[in-house]
Amino acid sequence: MLSPLLFIIFMDKCMRNISVGDLGEETMVYADDVAIVANNMKQLQRVANRWHEEMSQNEMKINTGSGKTEFMVVAREDCEQDLIICENQINQVEKCKYLGVHLNKRNGQEG
């Protein structure tokens, strides 16, 4: 029972150190799921870098392999973007599932 509590305390500490309240970006955390919402790729890269730095300082790392970390661009037109965390290219997807909700790149929900 102590392990989940320690993880929650750790994640809360990370959030406090990472959050700077920039306009146009928001980080949402539920248990071990983290979603970053940003207005543009520059903001997203900046927040992803802050997460990587904070996790590294605490001897943790972002799981950039095995398809666990991905990003999606929500826009009217298709656009290919690059996101790199710790020298790893992050996969861009057209749809994703977050907390049971299926979202797509056109800002819609799917069943």
PDB file of N, CA and C in Angstrom:
ATOM      1  N   MET A   1       0.806  -1.196   0.000  1.00  0.00           N
ATOM      2  CA  MET A   1       0.000   0.000   0.000  1.00  0.00           C
ATOM      3  C   MET A   1       0.856   1.269   0.000  1.00  0.00           C
ATOM      4  N   LEU A   2       2.081   1.160   0.423  1.00  0.00           N
ATOM      5  CA  LEU A   2       2.941   2.340   0.481  1.00  0.00           C
ATOM      6  C   LEU A   2       3.407   2.771  -0.900  1.00  0.00           C
ATOM      7  N   SER A   3       3.631   1.813  -1.798  1.00  0.00           N
ATOM      8  CA  SER A   3       4.147   2.127  -3.125  1.00  0.00           C
ATOM      9  C   SER A   3       3.249   3.091  -3.912  1.00  0.00           C
ATOM     10  N   PRO A   4       1.919   2.867  -4.006  1.00  0.00           N
ATOM     11  CA  PRO A   4       1.071   3.831  -4.739  1.00  0.00           C
ATOM     12  C   PRO A   4       1.101   5.226  -4.116  1.00  0.00           C
ATOM     13  N   LEU A   5       1.130   5.295  -2.794  1.00  0.00           N
ATOM     14  CA  LEU A   5       1.180   6.598  -2.120  1.00  0.00           C
ATOM     15  C   LEU A   5       2.487   7.319  -2.438  1.00  0.00           C
ATOM     16  N   LEU A   6       3.598   6.611  -2.425  1.00  0.00           N
ATOM     17  CA  LEU A   6       4.884   7.231  -2.751  1.00  0.00           C
ATOM     18  C   LEU A   6       4.909   7.723  -4.194  1.00  0.00           C
ATOM     19  N   PHE A   7       4.305   6.940  -5.106  1.00  0.00           N
ATOM     20  CA  PHE A   7       4.257   7.361  -6.506  1.00  0.00           C
ATOM     21  C   PHE A   7       3.422   8.634  -6.659  1.00  0.00           C
ATOM     22  N   ILE A   8       2.299   8.724  -5.973  1.00  0.00           N
ATOM     23  CA  ILE A   8       1.452   9.923  -6.032  1.00  0.00           C
ATOM     24  C   ILE A   8       2.220  11.136  -5.499  1.00  0.00           C
ATOM     25  N   ILE A   9       2.934  10.960  -4.410  1.00  0.00           N
ATOM     26  CA  ILE A   9       3.730  12.055  -3.844  1.00  0.00           C
ATOM     27  C   ILE A   9       4.814  12.479  -4.828  1.00  0.00           C
ATOM     28  N   PHE A  10       5.467  11.499  -5.458  1.00  0.00           N
ATOM     29  CA  PHE A  10       6.511  11.792  -6.440  1.00  0.00           C
ATOM     30  C   PHE A  10       5.936  12.571  -7.627  1.00  0.00           C
ATOM     31  N   MET A  11       4.802  12.103  -8.176  1.00  0.00           N
ATOM     32  CA  MET A  11       4.190  12.772  -9.326  1.00  0.00           C
ATOM     33  C   MET A  11       3.747  14.190  -8.967  1.00  0.00           C
ATOM     34  N   ASP A  12       3.239  14.383  -7.761  1.00  0.00           N
ATOM     35  CA  ASP A  12       2.844  15.718  -7.319  1.00  0.00           C
ATOM     36  C   ASP A  12       4.055  16.642  -7.267  1.00  0.00           C
ATOM     37  N   LYS A  13       5.163  16.145  -6.770  1.00  0.00           N
ATOM     38  CA  LYS A  13       6.402  16.936  -6.729  1.00  0.00           C
ATOM     39  C   LYS A  13       6.841  17.311  -8.145  1.00  0.00           C
ATOM     40  N   CYS A  14       6.800  16.346  -9.049  1.00  0.00           N
ATOM     41  CA  CYS A  14       7.183  16.615 -10.442  1.00  0.00           C
ATOM     42  C   CYS A  14       6.282  17.689 -11.045  1.00  0.00           C
ATOM     43  N   MET A  15       4.979  17.547 -10.860  1.00  0.00           N
ATOM     44  CA  MET A  15       4.029  18.526 -11.421  1.00  0.00           C
ATOM     45  C   MET A  15       4.310  19.934 -10.900  1.00  0.00           C
ATOM     46  N   ARG A  16       4.584  20.043  -9.634  1.00  0.00           N
ATOM     47  CA  ARG A  16       4.871  21.364  -9.047  1.00  0.00           C
ATOM     48  C   ARG A  16       6.142  21.979  -9.647  1.00  0.00           C
ATOM     49  N   ASN A  17       7.137  21.155  -9.917  1.00  0.00           N
ATOM     50  CA  ASN A  17       8.388  21.656 -10.494  1.00  0.00           C
ATOM     51  C   ASN A  17       8.265  21.940 -11.979  1.00  0.00           C
ATOM     52  N   ILE A  18       7.400  21.233 -12.673  1.00  0.00           N
ATOM     53  CA  ILE A  18       7.267  21.376 -14.120  1.00  0.00           C
ATOM     54  C   ILE A  18       6.311  22.497 -14.490  1.00  0.00           C
ATOM     55  N   SER A  19       5.210  22.600 -13.775  1.00  0.00           N
ATOM     56  CA  SER A  19       4.176  23.575 -14.125  1.00  0.00           C
ATOM     57  C   SER A  19       4.682  24.993 -13.934  1.00  0.00           C
ATOM     58  N   VAL A  20       4.612  25.746 -15.009  1.00  0.00           N
ATOM     59  CA  VAL A  20       5.006  27.149 -14.944  1.00  0.00           C
ATOM     60  C   VAL A  20       3.849  28.059 -15.328  1.00  0.00           C
ATOM     61  N   GLY A  21       2.710  27.472 -15.700  1.00  0.00           N
ATOM     62  CA  GLY A  21       1.529  28.254 -15.997  1.00  0.00           C
ATOM     63  C   GLY A  21       1.577  29.037 -17.288  1.00  0.00           C
ATOM     64  N   ASP A  22       2.370  28.584 -18.255  1.00  0.00           N
ATOM     65  CA  ASP A  22       2.401  29.266 -19.546  1.00  0.00           C
ATOM     66  C   ASP A  22       1.032  29.219 -20.198  1.00  0.00           C
ATOM     67  N   LEU A  23       0.687  30.296 -20.889  1.00  0.00           N
ATOM     68  CA  LEU A  23      -0.574  30.296 -21.624  1.00  0.00           C
ATOM     69  C   LEU A  23      -0.467  29.318 -22.785  1.00  0.00           C
ATOM     70  N   GLY A  24      -1.514  28.556 -23.001  1.00  0.00           N
ATOM     71  CA  GLY A  24      -1.551  27.662 -24.140  1.00  0.00           C
ATOM     72  C   GLY A  24      -1.021  26.270 -23.871  1.00  0.00           C
ATOM     73  N   GLU A  25      -0.675  25.955 -22.634  1.00  0.00           N
ATOM     74  CA  GLU A  25      -0.236  24.600 -22.328  1.00  0.00           C
ATOM     75  C   GLU A  25      -0.856  24.145 -21.016  1.00  0.00           C
ATOM     76  N   GLU A  26      -1.142  22.867 -20.954  1.00  0.00           N
ATOM     77  CA  GLU A  26      -1.738  22.289 -19.757  1.00  0.00           C
ATOM     78  C   GLU A  26      -1.235  20.863 -19.629  1.00  0.00           C
ATOM     79  N   THR A  27      -0.896  20.453 -18.424  1.00  0.00           N
ATOM     80  CA  THR A  27      -0.485  19.082 -18.164  1.00  0.00           C
ATOM     81  C   THR A  27      -1.511  18.456 -17.240  1.00  0.00           C
ATOM     82  N   MET A  28      -2.041  17.316 -17.670  1.00  0.00           N
ATOM     83  CA  MET A  28      -3.047  16.602 -16.881  1.00  0.00           C
ATOM     84  C   MET A  28      -2.464  15.253 -16.481  1.00  0.00           C
ATOM     85  N   VAL A  29      -2.601  14.924 -15.202  1.00  0.00           N
ATOM     86  CA  VAL A  29      -2.055  13.673 -14.694  1.00  0.00           C
ATOM     87  C   VAL A  29      -3.150  12.918 -13.965  1.00  0.00           C
ATOM     88  N   TYR A  30      -3.273  11.638 -14.296  1.00  0.00           N
ATOM     89  CA  TYR A  30      -4.162  10.741 -13.574  1.00  0.00           C
ATOM     90  C   TYR A  30      -3.392   9.447 -13.360  1.00  0.00           C
ATOM     91  N   ALA A  31      -3.068   9.158 -12.117  1.00  0.00           N
ATOM     92  CA  ALA A  31      -2.228   8.004 -11.767  1.00  0.00           C
ATOM     93  C   ALA A  31      -0.909   8.111 -12.529  1.00  0.00           C
ATOM     94  N   ASP A  32      -0.610   7.152 -13.399  1.00  0.00           N
ATOM     95  CA  ASP A  32       0.658   7.223 -14.141  1.00  0.00           C
ATOM     96  C   ASP A  32       0.451   7.655 -15.588  1.00  0.00           C
ATOM     97  N   ASP A  33      -0.739   8.152 -15.919  1.00  0.00           N
ATOM     98  CA  ASP A  33      -1.019   8.677 -17.260  1.00  0.00           C
ATOM     99  C   ASP A  33      -0.850  10.190 -17.259  1.00  0.00           C
ATOM    100  N   VAL A  34      -0.060  10.684 -18.176  1.00  0.00           N
ATOM    101  CA  VAL A  34       0.179  12.119 -18.300  1.00  0.00           C
ATOM    102  C   VAL A  34      -0.220  12.550 -19.707  1.00  0.00           C
ATOM    103  N   ALA A  35      -1.004  13.615 -19.797  1.00  0.00           N
ATOM    104  CA  ALA A  35      -1.373  14.189 -21.087  1.00  0.00           C
ATOM    105  C   ALA A  35      -0.966  15.656 -21.082  1.00  0.00           C
ATOM    106  N   ILE A  36      -0.254  16.053 -22.116  1.00  0.00           N
ATOM    107  CA  ILE A  36       0.168  17.445 -22.263  1.00  0.00           C
ATOM    108  C   ILE A  36      -0.612  18.032 -23.424  1.00  0.00           C
ATOM    109  N   VAL A  37      -1.255  19.161 -23.190  1.00  0.00           N
ATOM    110  CA  VAL A  37      -1.990  19.867 -24.234  1.00  0.00           C
ATOM    111  C   VAL A  37      -1.276  21.197 -24.454  1.00  0.00           C
ATOM    112  N   ALA A  38      -0.943  21.485 -25.717  1.00  0.00           N
ATOM    113  CA  ALA A  38      -0.212  22.708 -26.031  1.00  0.00           C
ATOM    114  C   ALA A  38      -0.770  23.316 -27.308  1.00  0.00           C
ATOM    115  N   ASN A  39      -0.585  24.619 -27.458  1.00  0.00           N
ATOM    116  CA  ASN A  39      -1.077  25.326 -28.655  1.00  0.00           C
ATOM    117  C   ASN A  39      -0.231  25.064 -29.884  1.00  0.00           C
ATOM    118  N   ASN A  40       1.048  24.725 -29.673  1.00  0.00           N
ATOM    119  CA  ASN A  40       1.922  24.496 -30.822  1.00  0.00           C
ATOM    120  C   ASN A  40       3.039  23.532 -30.429  1.00  0.00           C
ATOM    121  N   MET A  41       3.779  23.086 -31.433  1.00  0.00           N
ATOM    122  CA  MET A  41       4.829  22.096 -31.208  1.00  0.00           C
ATOM    123  C   MET A  41       5.977  22.644 -30.360  1.00  0.00           C
ATOM    124  N   LYS A  42       6.259  23.913 -30.473  1.00  0.00           N
ATOM    125  CA  LYS A  42       7.336  24.505 -29.674  1.00  0.00           C
ATOM    126  C   LYS A  42       7.007  24.401 -28.184  1.00  0.00           C
ATOM    127  N   GLN A  43       5.771  24.716 -27.825  1.00  0.00           N
ATOM    128  CA  GLN A  43       5.353  24.594 -26.429  1.00  0.00           C
ATOM    129  C   GLN A  43       5.375  23.135 -25.978  1.00  0.00           C
ATOM    130  N   LEU A  44       4.877  22.241 -26.834  1.00  0.00           N
ATOM    131  CA  LEU A  44       4.859  20.824 -26.488  1.00  0.00           C
ATOM    132  C   LEU A  44       6.271  20.304 -26.261  1.00  0.00           C
ATOM    133  N   GLN A  45       7.199  20.657 -27.129  1.00  0.00           N
ATOM    134  CA  GLN A  45       8.587  20.217 -26.974  1.00  0.00           C
ATOM    135  C   GLN A  45       9.176  20.761 -25.686  1.00  0.00           C
ATOM    136  N   ARG A  46       8.878  22.018 -25.358  1.00  0.00           N
ATOM    137  CA  ARG A  46       9.402  22.632 -24.133  1.00  0.00           C
ATOM    138  C   ARG A  46       8.892  21.890 -22.890  1.00  0.00           C
ATOM    139  N   VAL A  47       7.602  21.561 -22.846  1.00  0.00           N
ATOM    140  CA  VAL A  47       7.041  20.851 -21.693  1.00  0.00           C
ATOM    141  C   VAL A  47       7.594  19.424 -21.627  1.00  0.00           C
ATOM    142  N   ALA A  48       7.697  18.759 -22.775  1.00  0.00           N
ATOM    143  CA  ALA A  48       8.257  17.400 -22.807  1.00  0.00           C
ATOM    144  C   ALA A  48       9.698  17.411 -22.296  1.00  0.00           C
ATOM    145  N   ASN A  49      10.459  18.419 -22.658  1.00  0.00           N
ATOM    146  CA  ASN A  49      11.835  18.539 -22.165  1.00  0.00           C
ATOM    147  C   ASN A  49      11.876  18.751 -20.657  1.00  0.00           C
ATOM    148  N   ARG A  50      10.944  19.570 -20.142  1.00  0.00           N
ATOM    149  CA  ARG A  50      10.886  19.785 -18.692  1.00  0.00           C
ATOM    150  C   ARG A  50      10.555  18.479 -17.972  1.00  0.00           C
ATOM    151  N   TRP A  51       9.620  17.694 -18.514  1.00  0.00           N
ATOM    152  CA  TRP A  51       9.300  16.390 -17.920  1.00  0.00           C
ATOM    153  C   TRP A  51      10.532  15.488 -17.917  1.00  0.00           C
ATOM    154  N   HIS A  52      11.228  15.439 -19.040  1.00  0.00           N
ATOM    155  CA  HIS A  52      12.424  14.590 -19.130  1.00  0.00           C
ATOM    156  C   HIS A  52      13.469  15.016 -18.100  1.00  0.00           C
ATOM    157  N   GLU A  53      13.726  16.299 -17.977  1.00  0.00           N
ATOM    158  CA  GLU A  53      14.712  16.797 -17.019  1.00  0.00           C
ATOM    159  C   GLU A  53      14.316  16.474 -15.584  1.00  0.00           C
ATOM    160  N   GLU A  54      13.050  16.708 -15.254  1.00  0.00           N
ATOM    161  CA  GLU A  54      12.577  16.447 -13.891  1.00  0.00           C
ATOM    162  C   GLU A  54      12.661  14.961 -13.556  1.00  0.00           C
ATOM    163  N   MET A  55      12.257  14.115 -14.481  1.00  0.00           N
ATOM    164  CA  MET A  55      12.317  12.676 -14.240  1.00  0.00           C
ATOM    165  C   MET A  55      13.775  12.223 -14.105  1.00  0.00           C
ATOM    166  N   SER A  56      14.659  12.728 -14.944  1.00  0.00           N
ATOM    167  CA  SER A  56      16.080  12.355 -14.891  1.00  0.00           C
ATOM    168  C   SER A  56      16.710  12.757 -13.565  1.00  0.00           C
ATOM    169  N   GLN A  57      16.357  13.934 -13.064  1.00  0.00           N
ATOM    170  CA  GLN A  57      16.900  14.393 -11.791  1.00  0.00           C
ATOM    171  C   GLN A  57      16.488  13.484 -10.640  1.00  0.00           C
ATOM    172  N   ASN A  58      15.378  12.783 -10.803  1.00  0.00           N
ATOM    173  CA  ASN A  58      14.866  11.894  -9.760  1.00  0.00           C
ATOM    174  C   ASN A  58      15.080  10.418 -10.110  1.00  0.00           C
ATOM    175  N   GLU A  59      16.033  10.183 -11.035  1.00  0.00           N
ATOM    176  CA  GLU A  59      16.402   8.837 -11.457  1.00  0.00           C
ATOM    177  C   GLU A  59      15.222   8.028 -11.995  1.00  0.00           C
ATOM    178  N   MET A  60      14.337   8.693 -12.692  1.00  0.00           N
ATOM    179  CA  MET A  60      13.209   8.059 -13.381  1.00  0.00           C
ATOM    180  C   MET A  60      13.353   8.407 -14.859  1.00  0.00           C
ATOM    181  N   LYS A  61      12.560   7.758 -15.714  1.00  0.00           N
ATOM    182  CA  LYS A  61      12.615   8.113 -17.119  1.00  0.00           C
ATOM    183  C   LYS A  61      11.240   7.941 -17.760  1.00  0.00           C
ATOM    184  N   ILE A  62      11.048   8.661 -18.839  1.00  0.00           N
ATOM    185  CA  ILE A  62       9.827   8.568 -19.626  1.00  0.00           C
ATOM    186  C   ILE A  62       9.953   7.342 -20.514  1.00  0.00           C
ATOM    187  N   ASN A  63       8.919   6.527 -20.561  1.00  0.00           N
ATOM    188  CA  ASN A  63       8.928   5.329 -21.393  1.00  0.00           C
ATOM    189  C   ASN A  63       8.686   5.745 -22.842  1.00  0.00           C
ATOM    190  N   THR A  64       9.776   5.962 -23.571  1.00  0.00           N
ATOM    191  CA  THR A  64       9.658   6.392 -24.967  1.00  0.00           C
ATOM    192  C   THR A  64       9.596   5.224 -25.926  1.00  0.00           C
ATOM    193  N   GLY A  65       9.787   4.021 -25.440  1.00  0.00           N
ATOM    194  CA  GLY A  65       9.704   2.834 -26.285  1.00  0.00           C
ATOM    195  C   GLY A  65       8.365   2.133 -26.134  1.00  0.00           C
ATOM    196  N   SER A  66       8.189   1.090 -26.850  1.00  0.00           N
ATOM    197  CA  SER A  66       7.022   0.198 -26.786  1.00  0.00           C
ATOM    198  C   SER A  66       5.685   0.900 -27.026  1.00  0.00           C
ATOM    199  N   GLY A  67       5.693   2.035 -27.701  1.00  0.00           N
ATOM    200  CA  GLY A  67       4.443   2.700 -28.062  1.00  0.00           C
ATOM    201  C   GLY A  67       3.676   3.319 -26.902  1.00  0.00           C
ATOM    202  N   LYS A  68       4.299   3.430 -25.737  1.00  0.00           N
ATOM    203  CA  LYS A  68       3.617   4.008 -24.579  1.00  0.00           C
ATOM    204  C   LYS A  68       3.521   5.527 -24.666  1.00  0.00           C
ATOM    205  N   THR A  69       4.502   6.159 -25.292  1.00  0.00           N
ATOM    206  CA  THR A  69       4.517   7.611 -25.414  1.00  0.00           C
ATOM    207  C   THR A  69       4.277   7.966 -26.869  1.00  0.00           C
ATOM    208  N   GLU A  70       3.251   8.779 -27.104  1.00  0.00           N
ATOM    209  CA  GLU A  70       2.908   9.204 -28.458  1.00  0.00           C
ATOM    210  C   GLU A  70       2.288  10.583 -28.396  1.00  0.00           C
ATOM    211  N   PHE A  71       2.165  11.217 -29.564  1.00  0.00           N
ATOM    212  CA  PHE A  71       1.534  12.528 -29.591  1.00  0.00           C
ATOM    213  C   PHE A  71       0.621  12.632 -30.802  1.00  0.00           C
ATOM    214  N   MET A  72      -0.326  13.562 -30.693  1.00  0.00           N
ATOM    215  CA  MET A  72      -1.296  13.760 -31.754  1.00  0.00           C
ATOM    216  C   MET A  72      -1.472  15.258 -31.981  1.00  0.00           C
ATOM    217  N   VAL A  73      -1.504  15.651 -33.244  1.00  0.00           N
ATOM    218  CA  VAL A  73      -1.748  17.035 -33.625  1.00  0.00           C
ATOM    219  C   VAL A  73      -3.218  17.142 -34.011  1.00  0.00           C
ATOM    220  N   VAL A  74      -3.942  18.032 -33.339  1.00  0.00           N
ATOM    221  CA  VAL A  74      -5.346  18.270 -33.664  1.00  0.00           C
ATOM    222  C   VAL A  74      -5.397  19.516 -34.532  1.00  0.00           C
ATOM    223  N   ALA A  75      -5.814  19.337 -35.789  1.00  0.00           N
ATOM    224  CA  ALA A  75      -5.830  20.451 -36.742  1.00  0.00           C
ATOM    225  C   ALA A  75      -6.803  20.148 -37.874  1.00  0.00           C
ATOM    226  N   ARG A  76      -7.160  21.181 -38.593  1.00  0.00           N
ATOM    227  CA  ARG A  76      -8.039  20.997 -39.759  1.00  0.00           C
ATOM    228  C   ARG A  76      -7.326  20.313 -40.907  1.00  0.00           C
ATOM    229  N   GLU A  77      -6.055  20.641 -41.088  1.00  0.00           N
ATOM    230  CA  GLU A  77      -5.255  20.052 -42.161  1.00  0.00           C
ATOM    231  C   GLU A  77      -4.285  19.041 -41.556  1.00  0.00           C
ATOM    232  N   ASP A  78      -3.916  18.060 -42.364  1.00  0.00           N
ATOM    233  CA  ASP A  78      -2.904  17.092 -41.939  1.00  0.00           C
ATOM    234  C   ASP A  78      -1.550  17.778 -41.867  1.00  0.00           C
ATOM    235  N   CYS A  79      -0.803  17.461 -40.838  1.00  0.00           N
ATOM    236  CA  CYS A  79       0.547  18.001 -40.737  1.00  0.00           C
ATOM    237  C   CYS A  79       1.421  17.021 -39.971  1.00  0.00           C
ATOM    238  N   GLU A  80       2.577  16.757 -40.536  1.00  0.00           N
ATOM    239  CA  GLU A  80       3.561  15.886 -39.903  1.00  0.00           C
ATOM    240  C   GLU A  80       4.482  16.751 -39.044  1.00  0.00           C
ATOM    241  N   GLN A  81       4.694  16.335 -37.814  1.00  0.00           N
ATOM    242  CA  GLN A  81       5.540  17.067 -36.885  1.00  0.00           C
ATOM    243  C   GLN A  81       6.544  16.106 -36.270  1.00  0.00           C
ATOM    244  N   ASP A  82       7.584  16.649 -35.662  1.00  0.00           N
ATOM    245  CA  ASP A  82       8.579  15.850 -34.959  1.00  0.00           C
ATOM    246  C   ASP A  82       8.583  16.237 -33.490  1.00  0.00           C
ATOM    247  N   LEU A  83       8.601  15.222 -32.637  1.00  0.00           N
ATOM    248  CA  LEU A  83       8.755  15.418 -31.197  1.00  0.00           C
ATOM    249  C   LEU A  83       9.833  14.452 -30.749  1.00  0.00           C
ATOM    250  N   ILE A  84      10.846  14.980 -30.077  1.00  0.00           N
ATOM    251  CA  ILE A  84      11.974  14.167 -29.643  1.00  0.00           C
ATOM    252  C   ILE A  84      12.134  14.319 -28.139  1.00  0.00           C
ATOM    253  N   ILE A  85      12.187  13.174 -27.458  1.00  0.00           N
ATOM    254  CA  ILE A  85      12.429  13.151 -26.017  1.00  0.00           C
ATOM    255  C   ILE A  85      13.615  12.242 -25.772  1.00  0.00           C
ATOM    256  N   CYS A  86      14.651  12.784 -25.160  1.00  0.00           N
ATOM    257  CA  CYS A  86      15.848  12.012 -24.825  1.00  0.00           C
ATOM    258  C   CYS A  86      16.386  11.285 -26.051  1.00  0.00           C
ATOM    259  N   GLU A  87      16.525  12.013 -27.131  1.00  0.00           N
ATOM    260  CA  GLU A  87      17.073  11.520 -28.392  1.00  0.00           C
ATOM    261  C   GLU A  87      16.220  10.438 -29.058  1.00  0.00           C
ATOM    262  N   ASN A  88      14.984  10.259 -28.608  1.00  0.00           N
ATOM    263  CA  ASN A  88      14.078   9.284 -29.205  1.00  0.00           C
ATOM    264  C   ASN A  88      12.944  10.004 -29.927  1.00  0.00           C
ATOM    265  N   GLN A  89      12.713   9.616 -31.165  1.00  0.00           N
ATOM    266  CA  GLN A  89      11.611  10.163 -31.955  1.00  0.00           C
ATOM    267  C   GLN A  89      10.306   9.581 -31.403  1.00  0.00           C
ATOM    268  N   ILE A  90       9.367  10.440 -31.076  1.00  0.00           N
ATOM    269  CA  ILE A  90       8.072  10.012 -30.550  1.00  0.00           C
ATOM    270  C   ILE A  90       7.104   9.847 -31.711  1.00  0.00           C
ATOM    271  N   ASN A  91       6.336   8.784 -31.679  1.00  0.00           N
ATOM    272  CA  ASN A  91       5.408   8.443 -32.745  1.00  0.00           C
ATOM    273  C   ASN A  91       4.212   9.407 -32.775  1.00  0.00           C
ATOM    274  N   GLN A  92       3.934   9.959 -33.954  1.00  0.00           N
ATOM    275  CA  GLN A  92       2.749  10.796 -34.140  1.00  0.00           C
ATOM    276  C   GLN A  92       1.584   9.889 -34.554  1.00  0.00           C
ATOM    277  N   VAL A  93       0.440  10.041 -33.885  1.00  0.00           N
ATOM    278  CA  VAL A  93      -0.719   9.194 -34.161  1.00  0.00           C
ATOM    279  C   VAL A  93      -1.894  10.037 -34.655  1.00  0.00           C
ATOM    280  N   GLU A  94      -2.854   9.379 -35.288  1.00  0.00           N
ATOM    281  CA  GLU A  94      -4.058  10.059 -35.773  1.00  0.00           C
ATOM    282  C   GLU A  94      -5.207   9.940 -34.796  1.00  0.00           C
ATOM    283  N   LYS A  95      -5.130   8.989 -33.867  1.00  0.00           N
ATOM    284  CA  LYS A  95      -6.135   8.853 -32.824  1.00  0.00           C
ATOM    285  C   LYS A  95      -5.475   8.268 -31.593  1.00  0.00           C
ATOM    286  N   CYS A  96      -6.072   8.537 -30.445  1.00  0.00           N
ATOM    287  CA  CYS A  96      -5.509   8.026 -29.201  1.00  0.00           C
ATOM    288  C   CYS A  96      -6.644   7.786 -28.208  1.00  0.00           C
ATOM    289  N   LYS A  97      -6.314   7.064 -27.169  1.00  0.00           N
ATOM    290  CA  LYS A  97      -7.262   6.792 -26.091  1.00  0.00           C
ATOM    291  C   LYS A  97      -6.662   7.345 -24.815  1.00  0.00           C
ATOM    292  N   TYR A  98      -7.394   8.222 -24.138  1.00  0.00           N
ATOM    293  CA  TYR A  98      -6.939   8.766 -22.862  1.00  0.00           C
ATOM    294  C   TYR A  98      -8.066   8.634 -21.852  1.00  0.00           C
ATOM    295  N   LEU A  99      -7.812   7.899 -20.804  1.00  0.00           N
ATOM    296  CA  LEU A  99      -8.786   7.645 -19.741  1.00  0.00           C
ATOM    297  C   LEU A  99     -10.109   7.123 -20.292  1.00  0.00           C
ATOM    298  N   GLY A 100     -10.022   6.232 -21.263  1.00  0.00           N
ATOM    299  CA  GLY A 100     -11.203   5.591 -21.819  1.00  0.00           C
ATOM    300  C   GLY A 100     -11.904   6.351 -22.925  1.00  0.00           C
ATOM    301  N   VAL A 101     -11.436   7.543 -23.249  1.00  0.00           N
ATOM    302  CA  VAL A 101     -12.048   8.353 -24.308  1.00  0.00           C
ATOM    303  C   VAL A 101     -11.176   8.247 -25.558  1.00  0.00           C
ATOM    304  N   HIS A 102     -11.793   7.897 -26.676  1.00  0.00           N
ATOM    305  CA  HIS A 102     -11.081   7.798 -27.949  1.00  0.00           C
ATOM    306  C   HIS A 102     -11.167   9.145 -28.663  1.00  0.00           C
ATOM    307  N   LEU A 103     -10.019   9.763 -28.920  1.00  0.00           N
ATOM    308  CA  LEU A 103      -9.955  11.067 -29.571  1.00  0.00           C
ATOM    309  C   LEU A 103      -9.289  10.908 -30.928  1.00  0.00           C
ATOM    310  N   ASN A 104      -9.640  11.803 -31.875  1.00  0.00           N
ATOM    311  CA  ASN A 104      -8.979  11.754 -33.179  1.00  0.00           C
ATOM    312  C   ASN A 104      -8.404  13.121 -33.528  1.00  0.00           C
ATOM    313  N   LYS A 105      -7.612  13.160 -34.601  1.00  0.00           N
ATOM    314  CA  LYS A 105      -6.877  14.375 -34.967  1.00  0.00           C
ATOM    315  C   LYS A 105      -7.767  15.498 -35.474  1.00  0.00           C
ATOM    316  N   ARG A 106      -9.038  15.233 -35.680  1.00  0.00           N
ATOM    317  CA  ARG A 106      -9.984  16.278 -36.117  1.00  0.00           C
ATOM    318  C   ARG A 106     -10.788  16.825 -34.932  1.00  0.00           C
ATOM    319  N   ASN A 107     -10.325  16.536 -33.702  1.00  0.00           N
ATOM    320  CA  ASN A 107     -10.951  17.016 -32.476  1.00  0.00           C
ATOM    321  C   ASN A 107     -12.317  16.374 -32.251  1.00  0.00           C
ATOM    322  N   GLY A 108     -12.438  15.123 -32.632  1.00  0.00           N
ATOM    323  CA  GLY A 108     -13.679  14.393 -32.428  1.00  0.00           C
ATOM    324  C   GLY A 108     -13.467  13.187 -31.541  1.00  0.00           C
ATOM    325  N   GLN A 109     -14.576  12.627 -31.081  1.00  0.00           N
ATOM    326  CA  GLN A 109     -14.532  11.409 -30.284  1.00  0.00           C
ATOM    327  C   GLN A 109     -15.033  10.250 -31.111  1.00  0.00           C
ATOM    328  N   GLU A 110     -14.473   9.087 -30.848  1.00  0.00           N
ATOM    329  CA  GLU A 110     -14.886   7.877 -31.546  1.00  0.00           C
ATOM    330  C   GLU A 110     -15.389   6.876 -30.534  1.00  0.00           C
ATOM    331  N   GLY A 111     -16.251   5.985 -30.972  1.00  0.00           N
ATOM    332  CA  GLY A 111     -16.818   4.961 -30.081  1.00  0.00           C
ATOM    333  C   GLY A 111     -15.909   3.851 -29.939  1.00  0.00           C
TER     334      GLY A 111
END
